[in-house]
Amino acid sequence: MFWIKFKAYFPEHKASLATFTVSTTTDVVHECFDVKAECITKLKMGLMKENESITKLLMGLMNETNENGVLHESFTTTEALAAYIWRSRFRSLKLNPDGNSVLSLAVGIRQLLNPPLPSGYYGNAFVPTDVELIGKDLNEGPLSKVARLIKESKKMASKTEYIKNAMSIFETIVKQQHVKTESNGATMVLTDWRQLSLLEEVDFGWKASVNLIPLPWKMFGFVDLCIFMPPCSLDSSMKGGVRVCISLPRAAMAKFKEEMSALEHGDYNGLIF
């Protein structure tokens, strides 16, 4: 299901969200994980194989052919890694499998606006798009299905009518101050900073930056926010990789580290290939 707002933060929607056994308001720790390019490539290839297996099975049951090339659907780094991180976070927080979990993805629209943004505008230019799944489906279902839903939601968010509606809703939210952004645990808000050219183009007076670390701030109650960032440019082993910055309760971070270690070693615990 797709939504044109951070739906999970609206009071009328909170009742359907998964509940958690780990407190998300006390003893929060902040960590950054470096994911190497080869790990991401293996994950994407695994998702493609899993998606192909599922599609073949469904096509066989429906006696369909592969005329549209759907067997070879690929996934971007954002789609693959977002699916994995979302599921890992759900497991780490031990959320209720019968409740809903939401991934709110900030999709950049800077190049999609017509008329374009004025020269010299340096503010945000994004719209949120939400993917919602029952916890059990997120935890136990095919991870390629999760990645595919993220892909579809990104496509929807790039449509002109969607962007106009999102901007209208944003204006209403600002006027009414309707949304309270305390953590609910069941939502992960993801923003990808890798394309902002913060390392390549920003000069603070001592030439180009080589490393970036975000300071934790209580946006979405800390634990609902996840940031994808470029890795340190001095570390040649991280070329093409991603730095994942996330905040979790200390009790949940240990399990999340296990999930990230599994990603590093190619043990995806949930893919069927």
C-alpha atoms as a PDB file:
ATOM      1  CA  MET A   1       0.000   0.000   0.000  1.00  0.00           C
ATOM      2  CA  PHE A   2       1.336   3.457  -0.863  1.00  0.00           C
ATOM      3  CA  TRP A   3       0.593   6.789   0.817  1.00  0.00           C
ATOM      4  CA  ILE A   4       1.305  10.451   0.030  1.00  0.00           C
ATOM      5  CA  LYS A   5       2.304  11.414   3.568  1.00  0.00           C
ATOM      6  CA  PHE A   6       4.047  10.063   6.627  1.00  0.00           C
ATOM      7  CA  LYS A   7       0.843   8.233   7.390  1.00  0.00           C
ATOM      8  CA  ALA A   8       2.189   6.323  10.345  1.00  0.00           C
ATOM      9  CA  TYR A   9       2.523   9.526  12.372  1.00  0.00           C
ATOM     10  CA  PHE A  10      -1.150  10.409  12.118  1.00  0.00           C
ATOM     11  CA  PRO A  11      -3.204   9.478  15.197  1.00  0.00           C
ATOM     12  CA  GLU A  12      -5.922   7.708  13.232  1.00  0.00           C
ATOM     13  CA  HIS A  13      -3.364   5.232  11.833  1.00  0.00           C
ATOM     14  CA  LYS A  14      -1.366   4.364  14.960  1.00  0.00           C
ATOM     15  CA  ALA A  15      -3.781   1.686  16.139  1.00  0.00           C
ATOM     16  CA  SER A  16      -2.841  -0.621  13.248  1.00  0.00           C
ATOM     17  CA  LEU A  17       0.917  -0.380  13.809  1.00  0.00           C
ATOM     18  CA  ALA A  18       3.006  -3.172  15.266  1.00  0.00           C
ATOM     19  CA  THR A  19       3.776  -2.918  18.959  1.00  0.00           C
ATOM     20  CA  PHE A  20       7.172  -3.601  20.438  1.00  0.00           C
ATOM     21  CA  THR A  21       8.613  -5.193  23.551  1.00  0.00           C
ATOM     22  CA  VAL A  22      11.785  -3.056  23.543  1.00  0.00           C
ATOM     23  CA  SER A  23      11.462   0.509  24.844  1.00  0.00           C
ATOM     24  CA  THR A  24      12.252   3.019  22.083  1.00  0.00           C
ATOM     25  CA  THR A  25      12.506   6.046  24.343  1.00  0.00           C
ATOM     26  CA  THR A  26      15.342   5.268  26.747  1.00  0.00           C
ATOM     27  CA  ASP A  27      19.022   4.323  26.405  1.00  0.00           C
ATOM     28  CA  VAL A  28      19.195   4.927  22.661  1.00  0.00           C
ATOM     29  CA  VAL A  29      22.534   4.279  20.947  1.00  0.00           C
ATOM     30  CA  HIS A  30      23.679   5.612  17.590  1.00  0.00           C
ATOM     31  CA  GLU A  31      25.744   3.543  15.159  1.00  0.00           C
ATOM     32  CA  CYS A  32      27.062   3.765  11.593  1.00  0.00           C
ATOM     33  CA  PHE A  33      27.700   0.602   9.576  1.00  0.00           C
ATOM     34  CA  ASP A  34      29.891   0.523   6.472  1.00  0.00           C
ATOM     35  CA  VAL A  35      28.495  -1.842   3.829  1.00  0.00           C
ATOM     36  CA  LYS A  36      30.983  -2.685   1.085  1.00  0.00           C
ATOM     37  CA  ALA A  37      30.079  -2.608  -2.597  1.00  0.00           C
ATOM     38  CA  GLU A  38      30.639  -6.350  -3.027  1.00  0.00           C
ATOM     39  CA  CYS A  39      28.189  -7.093  -0.205  1.00  0.00           C
ATOM     40  CA  ILE A  40      25.561  -4.899  -1.863  1.00  0.00           C
ATOM     41  CA  THR A  41      26.161  -6.568  -5.225  1.00  0.00           C
ATOM     42  CA  LYS A  42      25.703 -10.030  -3.705  1.00  0.00           C
ATOM     43  CA  LEU A  43      22.510  -8.892  -2.005  1.00  0.00           C
ATOM     44  CA  LYS A  44      21.102  -7.488  -5.247  1.00  0.00           C
ATOM     45  CA  MET A  45      21.994 -10.644  -7.158  1.00  0.00           C
ATOM     46  CA  GLY A  46      20.338 -12.744  -4.460  1.00  0.00           C
ATOM     47  CA  LEU A  47      17.178 -10.661  -4.675  1.00  0.00           C
ATOM     48  CA  MET A  48      17.119 -11.016  -8.458  1.00  0.00           C
ATOM     49  CA  LYS A  49      17.460 -14.812  -8.210  1.00  0.00           C
ATOM     50  CA  GLU A  50      14.762 -15.024  -5.568  1.00  0.00           C
ATOM     51  CA  ASN A  51      12.433 -12.801  -7.592  1.00  0.00           C
ATOM     52  CA  GLU A  52      13.068 -14.915 -10.691  1.00  0.00           C
ATOM     53  CA  SER A  53      12.265 -18.124  -8.812  1.00  0.00           C
ATOM     54  CA  ILE A  54       9.019 -16.730  -7.428  1.00  0.00           C
ATOM     55  CA  THR A  55       7.978 -15.257 -10.777  1.00  0.00           C
ATOM     56  CA  LYS A  56       8.655 -18.527 -12.593  1.00  0.00           C
ATOM     57  CA  LEU A  57       6.540 -20.375 -10.054  1.00  0.00           C
ATOM     58  CA  LEU A  58       3.651 -17.927 -10.379  1.00  0.00           C
ATOM     59  CA  MET A  59       3.853 -17.888 -14.179  1.00  0.00           C
ATOM     60  CA  GLY A  60       3.829 -21.659 -14.222  1.00  0.00           C
ATOM     61  CA  LEU A  61       0.711 -21.753 -12.081  1.00  0.00           C
ATOM     62  CA  MET A  62      -0.996 -19.228 -14.372  1.00  0.00           C
ATOM     63  CA  ASN A  63       0.386 -20.703 -17.625  1.00  0.00           C
ATOM     64  CA  GLU A  64       1.940 -17.353 -18.605  1.00  0.00           C
ATOM     65  CA  THR A  65       5.073 -16.618 -20.645  1.00  0.00           C
ATOM     66  CA  ASN A  66       7.931 -14.171 -20.051  1.00  0.00           C
ATOM     67  CA  GLU A  67       7.075 -11.801 -22.888  1.00  0.00           C
ATOM     68  CA  ASN A  68       7.568  -8.679 -20.751  1.00  0.00           C
ATOM     69  CA  GLY A  69      10.935  -9.725 -19.357  1.00  0.00           C
ATOM     70  CA  VAL A  70       9.714  -9.688 -15.755  1.00  0.00           C
ATOM     71  CA  LEU A  71      12.028 -12.570 -14.801  1.00  0.00           C
ATOM     72  CA  HIS A  72      15.092 -10.364 -14.935  1.00  0.00           C
ATOM     73  CA  GLU A  73      13.954  -7.429 -12.817  1.00  0.00           C
ATOM     74  CA  SER A  74      16.887  -5.693 -11.150  1.00  0.00           C
ATOM     75  CA  PHE A  75      17.070  -3.664  -7.956  1.00  0.00           C
ATOM     76  CA  THR A  76      18.971  -0.506  -7.109  1.00  0.00           C
ATOM     77  CA  THR A  77      21.237  -0.188  -4.095  1.00  0.00           C
ATOM     78  CA  THR A  78      18.595   1.874  -2.290  1.00  0.00           C
ATOM     79  CA  GLU A  79      15.844  -0.671  -2.961  1.00  0.00           C
ATOM     80  CA  ALA A  80      17.893  -3.715  -1.947  1.00  0.00           C
ATOM     81  CA  LEU A  81      19.550  -2.201   1.109  1.00  0.00           C
ATOM     82  CA  ALA A  82      16.364  -0.468   2.305  1.00  0.00           C
ATOM     83  CA  ALA A  83      14.500  -3.792   2.206  1.00  0.00           C
ATOM     84  CA  TYR A  84      17.231  -5.531   4.187  1.00  0.00           C
ATOM     85  CA  ILE A  85      17.621  -2.757   6.771  1.00  0.00           C
ATOM     86  CA  TRP A  86      13.850  -2.423   7.241  1.00  0.00           C
ATOM     87  CA  ARG A  87      13.499  -6.145   7.933  1.00  0.00           C
ATOM     88  CA  SER A  88      16.575  -6.214  10.198  1.00  0.00           C
ATOM     89  CA  ARG A  89      15.259  -3.305  12.224  1.00  0.00           C
ATOM     90  CA  PHE A  90      11.862  -4.996  12.589  1.00  0.00           C
ATOM     91  CA  ARG A  91      13.541  -8.122  13.938  1.00  0.00           C
ATOM     92  CA  SER A  92      15.811  -6.163  16.266  1.00  0.00           C
ATOM     93  CA  LEU A  93      12.899  -4.334  17.896  1.00  0.00           C
ATOM     94  CA  LYS A  94      10.946  -7.613  18.236  1.00  0.00           C
ATOM     95  CA  LEU A  95       7.831  -5.995  16.831  1.00  0.00           C
ATOM     96  CA  ASN A  96       4.443  -7.669  16.909  1.00  0.00           C
ATOM     97  CA  PRO A  97       4.122  -9.788  13.710  1.00  0.00           C
ATOM     98  CA  ASP A  98       0.374  -9.184  13.501  1.00  0.00           C
ATOM     99  CA  GLY A  99       0.710  -5.399  13.389  1.00  0.00           C
ATOM    100  CA  ASN A 100       1.788  -3.208  10.485  1.00  0.00           C
ATOM    101  CA  SER A 101       5.230  -1.805   9.792  1.00  0.00           C
ATOM    102  CA  VAL A 102       5.870   1.196   7.545  1.00  0.00           C
ATOM    103  CA  LEU A 103       8.874   2.287   5.495  1.00  0.00           C
ATOM    104  CA  SER A 104       8.706   6.013   4.714  1.00  0.00           C
ATOM    105  CA  LEU A 105      11.186   6.816   1.959  1.00  0.00           C
ATOM    106  CA  ALA A 106      12.159  10.384   1.083  1.00  0.00           C
ATOM    107  CA  VAL A 107      12.295  10.556  -2.741  1.00  0.00           C
ATOM    108  CA  GLY A 108      14.194  13.441  -4.326  1.00  0.00           C
ATOM    109  CA  ILE A 109      12.242  15.513  -6.862  1.00  0.00           C
ATOM    110  CA  ARG A 110      14.753  18.298  -7.569  1.00  0.00           C
ATOM    111  CA  GLN A 111      15.140  17.237 -11.209  1.00  0.00           C
ATOM    112  CA  LEU A 112      11.447  16.469 -11.696  1.00  0.00           C
ATOM    113  CA  LEU A 113       9.880  19.845 -10.947  1.00  0.00           C
ATOM    114  CA  ASN A 114       8.396  21.889 -13.774  1.00  0.00           C
ATOM    115  CA  PRO A 115       8.910  24.807 -13.594  1.00  0.00           C
ATOM    116  CA  PRO A 116      12.311  24.028 -12.068  1.00  0.00           C
ATOM    117  CA  LEU A 117      13.537  25.328  -8.736  1.00  0.00           C
ATOM    118  CA  PRO A 118      15.115  28.799  -8.905  1.00  0.00           C
ATOM    119  CA  SER A 119      18.873  29.147  -9.123  1.00  0.00           C
ATOM    120  CA  GLY A 120      20.437  29.360  -5.688  1.00  0.00           C
ATOM    121  CA  TYR A 121      17.774  27.285  -3.925  1.00  0.00           C
ATOM    122  CA  TYR A 122      19.512  25.007  -1.438  1.00  0.00           C
ATOM    123  CA  GLY A 123      16.562  23.734   0.582  1.00  0.00           C
ATOM    124  CA  ASN A 124      14.974  20.301   0.602  1.00  0.00           C
ATOM    125  CA  ALA A 125      13.226  18.968  -2.480  1.00  0.00           C
ATOM    126  CA  PHE A 126      11.613  15.619  -1.746  1.00  0.00           C
ATOM    127  CA  VAL A 127       8.296  13.880  -1.256  1.00  0.00           C
ATOM    128  CA  PRO A 128       7.653  10.947   1.079  1.00  0.00           C
ATOM    129  CA  THR A 129       6.313   7.659  -0.172  1.00  0.00           C
ATOM    130  CA  ASP A 130       5.278   4.924   2.249  1.00  0.00           C
ATOM    131  CA  VAL A 131       5.314   1.143   1.922  1.00  0.00           C
ATOM    132  CA  GLU A 132       3.263  -0.741   4.506  1.00  0.00           C
ATOM    133  CA  LEU A 133       3.434  -4.451   5.312  1.00  0.00           C
ATOM    134  CA  ILE A 134       2.064  -6.735   7.990  1.00  0.00           C
ATOM    135  CA  GLY A 135       4.950  -7.586  10.287  1.00  0.00           C
ATOM    136  CA  LYS A 136       4.814 -11.306   9.567  1.00  0.00           C
ATOM    137  CA  ASP A 137       5.080 -10.679   5.813  1.00  0.00           C
ATOM    138  CA  LEU A 138       8.061  -8.377   6.319  1.00  0.00           C
ATOM    139  CA  ASN A 139       9.830 -10.790   8.656  1.00  0.00           C
ATOM    140  CA  GLU A 140       9.058 -14.107   6.966  1.00  0.00           C
ATOM    141  CA  GLY A 141       8.108 -13.281   3.369  1.00  0.00           C
ATOM    142  CA  PRO A 142      10.474 -13.061   0.375  1.00  0.00           C
ATOM    143  CA  LEU A 143      12.817 -10.095   0.711  1.00  0.00           C
ATOM    144  CA  SER A 144      12.625  -9.566  -3.053  1.00  0.00           C
ATOM    145  CA  LYS A 145       8.918  -8.794  -2.645  1.00  0.00           C
ATOM    146  CA  VAL A 146       9.803  -6.050  -0.171  1.00  0.00           C
ATOM    147  CA  ALA A 147      12.395  -4.611  -2.569  1.00  0.00           C
ATOM    148  CA  ARG A 148       9.879  -4.731  -5.411  1.00  0.00           C
ATOM    149  CA  LEU A 149       7.298  -2.806  -3.375  1.00  0.00           C
ATOM    150  CA  ILE A 150       9.919  -0.149  -2.626  1.00  0.00           C
ATOM    151  CA  LYS A 151      10.711   0.097  -6.345  1.00  0.00           C
ATOM    152  CA  GLU A 152       7.032   0.549  -7.202  1.00  0.00           C
ATOM    153  CA  SER A 153       6.554   3.213  -4.538  1.00  0.00           C
ATOM    154  CA  LYS A 154       9.531   5.191  -5.898  1.00  0.00           C
ATOM    155  CA  LYS A 155       8.034   5.120  -9.377  1.00  0.00           C
ATOM    156  CA  MET A 156       4.729   6.399  -8.061  1.00  0.00           C
ATOM    157  CA  ALA A 157       6.440   9.235  -6.188  1.00  0.00           C
ATOM    158  CA  SER A 158       8.031  10.502  -9.412  1.00  0.00           C
ATOM    159  CA  LYS A 159       4.680  11.163 -11.092  1.00  0.00           C
ATOM    160  CA  THR A 160       3.610  14.792 -11.479  1.00  0.00           C
ATOM    161  CA  GLU A 161       0.195  14.335  -9.900  1.00  0.00           C
ATOM    162  CA  TYR A 162       1.702  12.551  -6.894  1.00  0.00           C
ATOM    163  CA  ILE A 163       4.218  15.363  -6.377  1.00  0.00           C
ATOM    164  CA  LYS A 164       1.491  18.018  -6.536  1.00  0.00           C
ATOM    165  CA  ASN A 165      -0.657  16.141  -4.021  1.00  0.00           C
ATOM    166  CA  ALA A 166       2.307  15.628  -1.687  1.00  0.00           C
ATOM    167  CA  MET A 167       3.204  19.320  -1.769  1.00  0.00           C
ATOM    168  CA  SER A 168      -0.404  20.237  -1.019  1.00  0.00           C
ATOM    169  CA  ILE A 169      -0.440  17.862   1.966  1.00  0.00           C
ATOM    170  CA  PHE A 170       2.862  19.259   3.225  1.00  0.00           C
ATOM    171  CA  GLU A 171       1.409  22.768   3.164  1.00  0.00           C
ATOM    172  CA  THR A 172      -1.625  21.589   5.130  1.00  0.00           C
ATOM    173  CA  ILE A 173       0.582  19.842   7.693  1.00  0.00           C
ATOM    174  CA  VAL A 174       2.670  22.974   8.205  1.00  0.00           C
ATOM    175  CA  LYS A 175      -0.406  25.152   8.649  1.00  0.00           C
ATOM    176  CA  GLN A 176      -2.185  22.777  11.009  1.00  0.00           C
ATOM    177  CA  GLN A 177       0.925  21.426  12.756  1.00  0.00           C
ATOM    178  CA  HIS A 178      -0.921  18.130  12.580  1.00  0.00           C
ATOM    179  CA  VAL A 179       1.925  15.628  12.815  1.00  0.00           C
ATOM    180  CA  LYS A 180       3.720  14.797  16.029  1.00  0.00           C
ATOM    181  CA  THR A 181       6.938  12.964  15.332  1.00  0.00           C
ATOM    182  CA  GLU A 182       7.444  10.927  18.482  1.00  0.00           C
ATOM    183  CA  SER A 183       8.825   7.492  17.803  1.00  0.00           C
ATOM    184  CA  ASN A 184       6.332   4.713  17.274  1.00  0.00           C
ATOM    185  CA  GLY A 185       8.947   2.034  16.589  1.00  0.00           C
ATOM    186  CA  ALA A 186       6.953   0.419  13.791  1.00  0.00           C
ATOM    187  CA  THR A 187       7.999   3.052  11.245  1.00  0.00           C
ATOM    188  CA  MET A 188      11.379   3.521   9.576  1.00  0.00           C
ATOM    189  CA  VAL A 189      11.960   6.855   7.868  1.00  0.00           C
ATOM    190  CA  LEU A 190      14.769   6.506   5.312  1.00  0.00           C
ATOM    191  CA  THR A 191      16.647   9.308   3.615  1.00  0.00           C
ATOM    192  CA  ASP A 192      19.532   8.776   1.180  1.00  0.00           C
ATOM    193  CA  TRP A 193      22.258  11.448   1.265  1.00  0.00           C
ATOM    194  CA  ARG A 194      24.627   9.744  -1.179  1.00  0.00           C
ATOM    195  CA  GLN A 195      23.601  11.885  -4.150  1.00  0.00           C
ATOM    196  CA  LEU A 196      23.985  15.245  -2.387  1.00  0.00           C
ATOM    197  CA  SER A 197      27.665  15.537  -3.428  1.00  0.00           C
ATOM    198  CA  LEU A 198      28.579  16.503   0.132  1.00  0.00           C
ATOM    199  CA  LEU A 199      32.067  15.015  -0.182  1.00  0.00           C
ATOM    200  CA  GLU A 200      32.798  16.020  -3.772  1.00  0.00           C
ATOM    201  CA  GLU A 201      31.543  19.603  -4.014  1.00  0.00           C
ATOM    202  CA  VAL A 202      31.351  21.131  -0.525  1.00  0.00           C
ATOM    203  CA  ASP A 203      34.476  23.068   0.552  1.00  0.00           C
ATOM    204  CA  PHE A 204      34.545  24.245   4.168  1.00  0.00           C
ATOM    205  CA  GLY A 205      37.798  26.136   3.655  1.00  0.00           C
ATOM    206  CA  TRP A 206      40.260  23.259   3.750  1.00  0.00           C
ATOM    207  CA  LYS A 207      39.451  21.701   0.387  1.00  0.00           C
ATOM    208  CA  ALA A 208      37.056  18.819  -0.143  1.00  0.00           C
ATOM    209  CA  SER A 209      35.694  16.831   2.792  1.00  0.00           C
ATOM    210  CA  VAL A 210      36.808  13.226   3.180  1.00  0.00           C
ATOM    211  CA  ASN A 211      34.346  11.939   5.781  1.00  0.00           C
ATOM    212  CA  LEU A 212      30.863  12.730   7.088  1.00  0.00           C
ATOM    213  CA  ILE A 213      29.103  11.604  10.251  1.00  0.00           C
ATOM    214  CA  PRO A 214      25.621  12.931  11.080  1.00  0.00           C
ATOM    215  CA  LEU A 215      25.003  14.235  14.578  1.00  0.00           C
ATOM    216  CA  PRO A 216      22.060  12.394  16.162  1.00  0.00           C
ATOM    217  CA  TRP A 217      19.014  14.574  16.593  1.00  0.00           C
ATOM    218  CA  LYS A 218      15.571  13.761  17.838  1.00  0.00           C
ATOM    219  CA  MET A 219      13.824  13.746  14.471  1.00  0.00           C
ATOM    220  CA  PHE A 220      11.126  11.066  14.425  1.00  0.00           C
ATOM    221  CA  GLY A 221      12.112  10.207  17.987  1.00  0.00           C
ATOM    222  CA  PHE A 222      15.648   9.106  17.019  1.00  0.00           C
ATOM    223  CA  VAL A 223      14.858   5.437  16.447  1.00  0.00           C
ATOM    224  CA  ASP A 224      12.588   5.850  13.428  1.00  0.00           C
ATOM    225  CA  LEU A 225      15.240   7.582  11.296  1.00  0.00           C
ATOM    226  CA  CYS A 226      17.811   5.850   9.069  1.00  0.00           C
ATOM    227  CA  ILE A 227      20.300   7.640   6.796  1.00  0.00           C
ATOM    228  CA  PHE A 228      22.282   6.247   3.860  1.00  0.00           C
ATOM    229  CA  MET A 229      25.513   8.206   3.430  1.00  0.00           C
ATOM    230  CA  PRO A 230      28.685   8.061   1.335  1.00  0.00           C
ATOM    231  CA  PRO A 231      31.568   6.285   3.109  1.00  0.00           C
ATOM    232  CA  CYS A 232      34.907   7.874   3.964  1.00  0.00           C
ATOM    233  CA  SER A 233      36.686   8.709   0.702  1.00  0.00           C
ATOM    234  CA  LEU A 234      40.079   7.788   2.205  1.00  0.00           C
ATOM    235  CA  ASP A 235      39.035   4.146   2.614  1.00  0.00           C
ATOM    236  CA  SER A 236      39.607   2.567  -0.791  1.00  0.00           C
ATOM    237  CA  SER A 237      37.941  -0.676   0.335  1.00  0.00           C
ATOM    238  CA  MET A 238      34.644   1.206   0.679  1.00  0.00           C
ATOM    239  CA  LYS A 239      34.537   2.578  -2.866  1.00  0.00           C
ATOM    240  CA  GLY A 240      30.966   2.185  -4.114  1.00  0.00           C
ATOM    241  CA  GLY A 241      29.788   1.216  -0.647  1.00  0.00           C
ATOM    242  CA  VAL A 242      27.217   2.757   1.680  1.00  0.00           C
ATOM    243  CA  ARG A 243      27.391   4.012   5.243  1.00  0.00           C
ATOM    244  CA  VAL A 244      24.178   3.170   7.119  1.00  0.00           C
ATOM    245  CA  CYS A 245      23.507   5.402  10.131  1.00  0.00           C
ATOM    246  CA  ILE A 246      20.783   4.280  12.510  1.00  0.00           C
ATOM    247  CA  SER A 247      19.669   4.780  16.125  1.00  0.00           C
ATOM    248  CA  LEU A 248      18.140   1.997  18.202  1.00  0.00           C
ATOM    249  CA  PRO A 249      17.558   1.126  21.848  1.00  0.00           C
ATOM    250  CA  ARG A 250      20.648  -0.555  23.279  1.00  0.00           C
ATOM    251  CA  ALA A 251      18.669  -3.778  23.792  1.00  0.00           C
ATOM    252  CA  ALA A 252      17.858  -3.887  20.057  1.00  0.00           C
ATOM    253  CA  MET A 253      21.227  -2.762  18.666  1.00  0.00           C
ATOM    254  CA  ALA A 254      22.937  -6.072  19.506  1.00  0.00           C
ATOM    255  CA  LYS A 255      20.496  -7.992  17.301  1.00  0.00           C
ATOM    256  CA  PHE A 256      20.802  -5.373  14.548  1.00  0.00           C
ATOM    257  CA  LYS A 257      24.578  -5.826  14.562  1.00  0.00           C
ATOM    258  CA  GLU A 258      24.035  -9.557  14.047  1.00  0.00           C
ATOM    259  CA  GLU A 259      21.850  -8.787  11.032  1.00  0.00           C
ATOM    260  CA  MET A 260      24.510  -6.481   9.567  1.00  0.00           C
ATOM    261  CA  SER A 261      27.187  -9.124  10.168  1.00  0.00           C
ATOM    262  CA  ALA A 262      25.027 -11.631   8.281  1.00  0.00           C
ATOM    263  CA  LEU A 263      24.836  -9.168   5.374  1.00  0.00           C
ATOM    264  CA  GLU A 264      28.620  -8.830   5.368  1.00  0.00           C
ATOM    265  CA  HIS A 265      29.069 -12.610   5.226  1.00  0.00           C
ATOM    266  CA  GLY A 266      26.298 -13.259   2.701  1.00  0.00           C
ATOM    267  CA  ASP A 267      24.001 -15.061   5.142  1.00  0.00           C
ATOM    268  CA  TYR A 268      20.735 -13.305   4.383  1.00  0.00           C
ATOM    269  CA  ASN A 269      18.463 -15.448   6.559  1.00  0.00           C
ATOM    270  CA  GLY A 270      15.230 -15.129   4.649  1.00  0.00           C
ATOM    271  CA  LEU A 271      16.055 -15.314   0.968  1.00  0.00           C
ATOM    272  CA  ILE A 272      15.012 -18.573  -0.632  1.00  0.00           C
ATOM    273  CA  PHE A 273      17.724 -18.988  -3.268  1.00  0.00           C
END
